[in-house]
Amino acid sequence: MTEGADALGKSQPAVSRTMALLEERIGTPLFEPGRRPLRPTELGSHLARLGARIRAQNQEASRLVQRYRQGQAGALRLGGTPIFFDGVVANIMAEFQSRHPDVQIAHTYGYFDELSASVRSGALDLAFVPLHARMISSDMHFTPLLTGRNVIACGATHPLARRSVITLADIEPYSWISPPTDSPLFRDLQRAVKSIGLDDFKVSFSGGTLASIFSVVVGSDALTVLPYSVVFSHQRTIPIQALPLRIEHPERQLGLLTSADRTPPPSLPRFVAFVTEKFKQLNARMEHEQQVTRRRG
């Protein structure tokens, strides 16, 4: 009784009273009469095994509740634009889940109109979107992560890949890989080629996923426009690089869109803090590479 009381954090008399009440309730003794030290009856042994399992499950439930309140367990519903999410966010999300395996994440693709509507209705907890400042309504909260910056990308074996200076005449003979026509990146492509003097351009591949765009870029001489963060994040594992040609950048930022009117699940602030820190580190690495490139130039 004394050892049991210590294990439960209770006094020995309190445990003895509880046992006596239990015996009275079930109408039969739980310990063999007159035996010292105490020896449980057959029923007492069975109840002890069941009680141990119940206590373990109760403790597990208590830990789960505590982890949920601390944002270390639960479920998150995320949305994001395909190229940015697959190119940058997915790896960060994987690292978050490796540290917080009890947080379940469900993801859907979309663009601003549908994603913002889903955040507003509560169907999504958070969306990764490119935004102009004027697009943020009073019922939304936006956490900027990256300033929009696009580059012209090509495969590492492309004829232009080794050149330090590239002109419009160098670009003109090559075809282009186009993102889906309903994506912001497609409009960026149109704006970019126009900004460097191309009024018309040939599209050899369009509408694919980021994986298929990478495959076509690497396996052909086609060019494409991608966020610099996507190229930077994959250039060590995929033979792709940005060309040294300045193009017009979109006047927007990439960031996190959440509802200002809804109480978030406890895991969301933890996720937002993690993602924000990871993007700070990504920004620092990209800035360092740009400084190194400028010095080499």
Protein backbone atom coordinates (compact mmCIF):
# COMPACT_ATOMS: atom_id res chain seq x y z
CA MET A 1 0.00 0.00 0.00
CA THR A 2 2.81 2.38 0.89
CA GLU A 3 4.64 1.78 -2.40
CA GLY A 4 1.40 2.16 -4.35
CA ALA A 5 0.60 5.38 -2.55
CA ASP A 6 4.07 6.75 -3.38
CA ALA A 7 3.63 5.85 -7.04
CA LEU A 8 0.29 7.68 -7.16
CA GLY A 9 1.48 10.66 -5.16
CA LYS A 10 -1.07 9.99 -2.42
CA SER A 11 -0.95 9.08 1.26
CA GLN A 12 -1.06 5.46 2.38
CA PRO A 13 -4.27 5.92 4.47
CA ALA A 14 -6.02 7.52 1.47
CA VAL A 15 -5.14 4.56 -0.75
CA SER A 16 -6.27 2.11 1.93
CA ARG A 17 -9.65 3.86 2.19
CA THR A 18 -10.00 3.78 -1.61
CA MET A 19 -9.29 0.05 -1.67
CA ALA A 20 -11.79 -0.58 1.12
CA LEU A 21 -14.48 1.37 -0.75
CA LEU A 22 -13.73 -0.57 -3.93
CA GLU A 23 -14.03 -3.90 -2.12
CA GLU A 24 -17.33 -2.76 -0.64
CA ARG A 25 -18.57 -1.70 -4.06
CA ILE A 26 -17.78 -5.00 -5.82
CA GLY A 27 -18.72 -7.14 -2.82
CA THR A 28 -15.59 -9.28 -2.65
CA PRO A 29 -12.08 -8.87 -1.25
CA LEU A 30 -9.23 -7.86 -3.50
CA PHE A 31 -6.53 -9.26 -1.20
CA GLU A 32 -6.31 -12.67 0.43
CA PRO A 33 -7.37 -12.32 4.09
CA GLY A 34 -4.69 -12.66 6.75
CA ARG A 35 -1.70 -12.74 4.34
CA ARG A 36 1.32 -10.55 5.03
CA PRO A 37 2.70 -9.11 2.88
CA LEU A 38 -0.55 -8.47 1.02
CA ARG A 39 -1.28 -10.86 -1.85
CA PRO A 40 -4.01 -10.02 -4.37
CA THR A 41 -6.86 -12.39 -5.09
CA GLU A 42 -7.35 -13.69 -8.64
CA LEU A 43 -9.91 -10.92 -9.26
CA GLY A 44 -7.58 -8.38 -7.68
CA SER A 45 -4.75 -9.40 -10.04
CA HIS A 46 -7.00 -9.07 -13.11
CA LEU A 47 -8.28 -5.68 -12.00
CA ALA A 48 -4.71 -4.53 -11.30
CA ARG A 49 -3.66 -5.36 -14.86
CA LEU A 50 -6.68 -3.54 -16.29
CA GLY A 51 -6.10 -0.60 -13.97
CA ALA A 52 -2.47 -0.32 -15.08
CA ARG A 53 -3.57 -0.11 -18.71
CA ILE A 54 -6.26 2.44 -17.88
CA ARG A 55 -3.76 4.55 -15.93
CA ALA A 56 -1.24 4.39 -18.79
CA GLN A 57 -3.89 5.46 -21.32
CA ASN A 58 -5.02 8.25 -19.01
CA GLN A 59 -1.45 9.49 -18.74
CA GLU A 60 -1.07 9.29 -22.53
CA ALA A 61 -4.29 11.29 -22.96
CA SER A 62 -3.02 13.90 -20.51
CA ARG A 63 0.26 14.19 -22.42
CA LEU A 64 -1.61 14.52 -25.70
CA VAL A 65 -3.79 17.33 -24.32
CA GLN A 66 -0.69 19.10 -23.02
CA ARG A 67 1.13 18.70 -26.34
CA TYR A 68 -1.94 19.96 -28.20
CA ARG A 69 -2.17 23.05 -25.99
CA GLN A 70 1.54 23.68 -26.55
CA GLY A 71 1.12 23.40 -30.33
CA GLN A 72 3.11 20.17 -30.57
CA ALA A 73 0.14 18.05 -31.70
CA GLY A 74 -3.03 18.54 -33.71
CA ALA A 75 -3.86 19.21 -37.34
CA LEU A 76 -3.10 22.05 -39.75
CA ARG A 77 -4.83 22.76 -43.06
CA LEU A 78 -2.51 24.61 -45.43
CA GLY A 79 -2.86 25.94 -48.95
CA GLY A 80 -0.35 27.34 -51.37
CA THR A 81 0.48 28.29 -54.93
CA PRO A 82 2.04 25.23 -56.61
CA ILE A 83 5.46 26.50 -57.77
CA PHE A 84 6.31 28.37 -54.57
CA PHE A 85 4.99 25.63 -52.29
CA ASP A 86 6.71 22.76 -54.07
CA GLY A 87 9.89 24.71 -54.71
CA VAL A 88 10.51 26.20 -51.28
CA VAL A 89 7.85 25.48 -48.67
CA ALA A 90 7.68 21.68 -48.94
CA ASN A 91 11.22 21.15 -47.63
CA ILE A 92 10.61 23.52 -44.72
CA MET A 93 7.33 21.78 -43.92
CA ALA A 94 9.11 18.40 -43.93
CA GLU A 95 11.66 19.70 -41.43
CA PHE A 96 8.86 21.02 -39.21
CA GLN A 97 7.14 17.63 -39.22
CA SER A 98 10.39 15.83 -38.43
CA ARG A 99 10.53 17.92 -35.25
CA HIS A 100 6.79 17.77 -34.55
CA PRO A 101 5.58 14.39 -35.85
CA ASP A 102 2.27 14.66 -33.96
CA VAL A 103 1.19 17.68 -36.04
CA GLN A 104 -0.75 16.39 -39.03
CA ILE A 105 -0.66 18.63 -42.11
CA ALA A 106 -3.20 18.56 -44.94
CA HIS A 107 -2.28 20.63 -48.01
CA THR A 108 -4.20 21.86 -51.05
CA TYR A 109 -3.04 23.83 -54.11
CA GLY A 110 -4.65 27.02 -55.32
CA TYR A 111 -4.20 30.66 -56.21
CA PHE A 112 -5.03 33.83 -54.35
CA ASP A 113 -8.79 34.12 -54.90
CA GLU A 114 -9.65 30.58 -53.87
CA LEU A 115 -7.03 30.38 -51.12
CA SER A 116 -8.09 33.66 -49.49
CA ALA A 117 -11.74 32.56 -49.64
CA SER A 118 -10.83 29.28 -47.94
CA VAL A 119 -8.88 31.08 -45.20
CA ARG A 120 -11.78 33.49 -44.70
CA SER A 121 -14.34 30.65 -44.43
CA GLY A 122 -12.18 28.61 -42.05
CA ALA A 123 -11.58 25.78 -44.53
CA LEU A 124 -7.84 26.60 -44.36
CA ASP A 125 -5.80 27.69 -41.36
CA LEU A 126 -3.08 29.33 -43.48
CA ALA A 127 -2.16 29.97 -47.11
CA PHE A 128 1.21 30.65 -48.75
CA VAL A 129 0.45 33.33 -51.34
CA PRO A 130 2.06 36.16 -53.33
CA LEU A 131 0.43 39.46 -52.37
CA HIS A 132 0.44 43.14 -53.17
CA ALA A 133 0.00 45.24 -50.03
CA ARG A 134 -3.24 46.68 -51.39
CA MET A 135 -4.74 43.17 -51.60
CA ILE A 136 -4.75 42.64 -47.81
CA SER A 137 -8.23 43.15 -46.36
CA SER A 138 -8.96 44.10 -42.76
CA ASP A 139 -10.15 40.59 -41.84
CA MET A 140 -6.85 39.04 -42.91
CA HIS A 141 -3.34 39.02 -41.50
CA PHE A 142 -0.31 38.77 -43.79
CA THR A 143 3.20 37.78 -42.66
CA PRO A 144 5.75 38.65 -45.40
CA LEU A 145 8.47 36.06 -46.03
CA LEU A 146 10.17 37.02 -49.29
CA THR A 147 10.25 39.99 -51.61
CA GLY A 148 9.15 38.88 -55.07
CA ARG A 149 12.14 38.35 -57.32
CA ASN A 150 12.09 36.33 -60.53
CA VAL A 151 14.94 35.14 -62.74
CA ILE A 152 15.32 33.57 -66.15
CA ALA A 153 16.41 29.99 -65.52
CA CYS A 154 18.03 27.39 -67.74
CA GLY A 155 19.74 24.02 -67.45
CA ALA A 156 23.37 23.91 -66.36
CA THR A 157 24.41 22.63 -69.82
CA HIS A 158 22.52 25.33 -71.72
CA PRO A 159 24.62 27.25 -74.30
CA LEU A 160 24.06 30.47 -72.31
CA ALA A 161 24.88 28.98 -68.91
CA ARG A 162 28.59 29.88 -68.97
CA ARG A 163 28.21 33.45 -70.17
CA SER A 164 28.75 36.31 -67.77
CA VAL A 165 26.98 38.84 -70.00
CA ILE A 166 23.79 38.07 -71.92
CA THR A 167 21.88 40.29 -74.33
CA LEU A 168 18.40 40.16 -75.86
CA ALA A 169 19.89 38.81 -79.06
CA ASP A 170 21.29 35.86 -77.11
CA ILE A 171 17.89 35.07 -75.61
CA GLU A 172 15.73 35.46 -78.68
CA PRO A 173 16.40 32.11 -80.44
CA TYR A 174 15.24 29.96 -77.53
CA SER A 175 11.75 28.73 -76.68
CA TRP A 176 10.12 29.09 -73.29
CA ILE A 177 8.56 26.87 -70.65
CA SER A 178 5.34 28.44 -69.46
CA PRO A 179 3.78 27.96 -66.01
CA PRO A 180 0.00 27.32 -65.87
CA THR A 181 -1.81 30.21 -67.56
CA ASP A 182 -3.94 30.96 -64.47
CA SER A 183 -0.90 31.36 -62.23
CA PRO A 184 0.76 34.62 -61.15
CA LEU A 185 4.02 33.25 -62.50
CA PHE A 186 2.58 33.10 -66.03
CA ARG A 187 1.81 36.82 -65.86
CA ASP A 188 5.33 37.33 -64.51
CA LEU A 189 6.71 35.50 -67.55
CA GLN A 190 4.75 37.75 -69.91
CA ARG A 191 5.90 40.86 -68.05
CA ALA A 192 9.51 39.66 -67.89
CA VAL A 193 9.97 38.94 -71.58
CA LYS A 194 8.30 42.22 -72.44
CA SER A 195 10.63 44.08 -70.06
CA ILE A 196 13.70 42.75 -71.90
CA GLY A 197 12.28 43.67 -75.30
CA LEU A 198 10.63 40.46 -76.48
CA ASP A 199 7.16 41.29 -77.79
CA ASP A 200 6.54 37.70 -78.84
CA PHE A 201 7.97 34.41 -77.61
CA LYS A 202 7.64 30.75 -78.48
CA VAL A 203 6.29 28.37 -75.81
CA SER A 204 7.50 24.79 -76.16
CA PHE A 205 6.03 23.44 -72.91
CA SER A 206 3.27 24.75 -70.64
CA GLY A 207 1.05 23.96 -67.69
CA GLY A 208 3.26 21.46 -65.89
CA THR A 209 4.18 20.91 -62.27
CA LEU A 210 7.45 22.20 -60.86
CA ALA A 211 8.94 18.71 -61.25
CA SER A 212 8.04 18.60 -64.93
CA ILE A 213 9.30 22.15 -65.48
CA PHE A 214 12.63 21.15 -63.92
CA SER A 215 12.80 18.07 -66.15
CA VAL A 216 12.17 20.04 -69.35
CA VAL A 217 14.61 22.80 -68.35
CA VAL A 218 17.37 20.31 -67.61
CA GLY A 219 16.69 18.17 -70.67
CA SER A 220 16.33 20.93 -73.28
CA ASP A 221 17.55 24.38 -74.26
CA ALA A 222 14.25 26.02 -73.29
CA LEU A 223 14.19 28.91 -70.84
CA THR A 224 11.70 29.73 -68.11
CA VAL A 225 10.93 32.31 -65.45
CA LEU A 226 10.99 31.11 -61.85
CA PRO A 227 11.20 32.74 -58.42
CA TYR A 228 14.84 33.13 -57.47
CA SER A 229 14.12 31.37 -54.16
CA VAL A 230 13.02 28.25 -56.07
CA VAL A 231 16.15 28.18 -58.23
CA PHE A 232 18.40 28.88 -55.24
CA SER A 233 16.79 26.13 -53.14
CA HIS A 234 17.34 23.46 -55.82
CA GLN A 235 20.48 24.43 -57.69
CA ARG A 236 22.66 22.07 -55.63
CA THR A 237 20.51 19.03 -56.38
CA ILE A 238 19.17 19.89 -59.84
CA PRO A 239 21.43 21.18 -62.67
CA ILE A 240 19.60 24.48 -63.06
CA GLN A 241 20.81 28.07 -62.78
CA ALA A 242 19.72 31.68 -63.13
CA LEU A 243 20.98 33.69 -66.09
CA PRO A 244 22.67 37.06 -65.44
CA LEU A 245 19.95 39.09 -67.12
CA ARG A 246 17.88 41.59 -65.21
CA ILE A 247 14.13 41.35 -65.67
CA GLU A 248 11.20 43.19 -64.17
CA HIS A 249 10.20 41.88 -60.74
CA PRO A 250 6.61 41.67 -59.52
CA GLU A 251 5.58 44.31 -57.00
CA ARG A 252 4.50 41.83 -54.36
CA GLN A 253 5.72 39.72 -51.50
CA LEU A 254 5.45 36.03 -50.79
CA GLY A 255 4.08 35.28 -47.36
CA LEU A 256 1.56 33.73 -44.99
CA LEU A 257 -2.11 34.64 -45.11
CA THR A 258 -4.22 33.92 -42.02
CA SER A 259 -7.58 35.04 -40.72
CA ALA A 260 -7.58 37.93 -38.27
CA ASP A 261 -11.04 36.98 -36.97
CA ARG A 262 -10.57 33.29 -36.15
CA THR A 263 -8.87 31.63 -33.20
CA PRO A 264 -6.04 29.56 -34.70
CA PRO A 265 -5.28 25.98 -33.66
CA PRO A 266 -2.47 25.93 -31.05
CA SER A 267 -0.02 24.41 -33.54
CA LEU A 268 -0.41 27.30 -36.03
CA PRO A 269 1.63 29.95 -34.13
CA ARG A 270 4.40 27.39 -33.63
CA PHE A 271 4.35 26.57 -37.36
CA VAL A 272 4.33 30.25 -38.36
CA ALA A 273 7.29 31.00 -36.06
CA PHE A 274 9.23 28.04 -37.47
CA VAL A 275 8.53 28.97 -41.11
CA THR A 276 9.35 32.65 -40.49
CA GLU A 277 12.72 31.76 -39.00
CA LYS A 278 13.53 29.39 -41.85
CA PHE A 279 12.77 32.08 -44.41
CA LYS A 280 15.00 34.54 -42.54
CA GLN A 281 17.81 32.01 -42.90
CA LEU A 282 16.97 31.49 -46.58
CA ASN A 283 17.02 35.25 -47.20
CA ALA A 284 20.42 35.50 -45.53
CA ARG A 285 21.87 32.70 -47.67
CA MET A 286 20.47 34.20 -50.87
CA GLU A 287 21.86 37.62 -50.00
CA HIS A 288 25.26 36.09 -49.29
CA GLU A 289 25.31 34.36 -52.68
CA GLN A 290 24.32 37.57 -54.45
CA GLN A 291 27.17 39.43 -52.73
CA VAL A 292 29.64 36.73 -53.75
CA THR A 293 28.34 36.86 -57.33
CA ARG A 294 28.68 40.66 -57.44
CA ARG A 295 32.27 40.47 -56.18
CA ARG A 296 33.13 37.87 -58.82
CA GLY A 297 31.54 40.06 -61.47
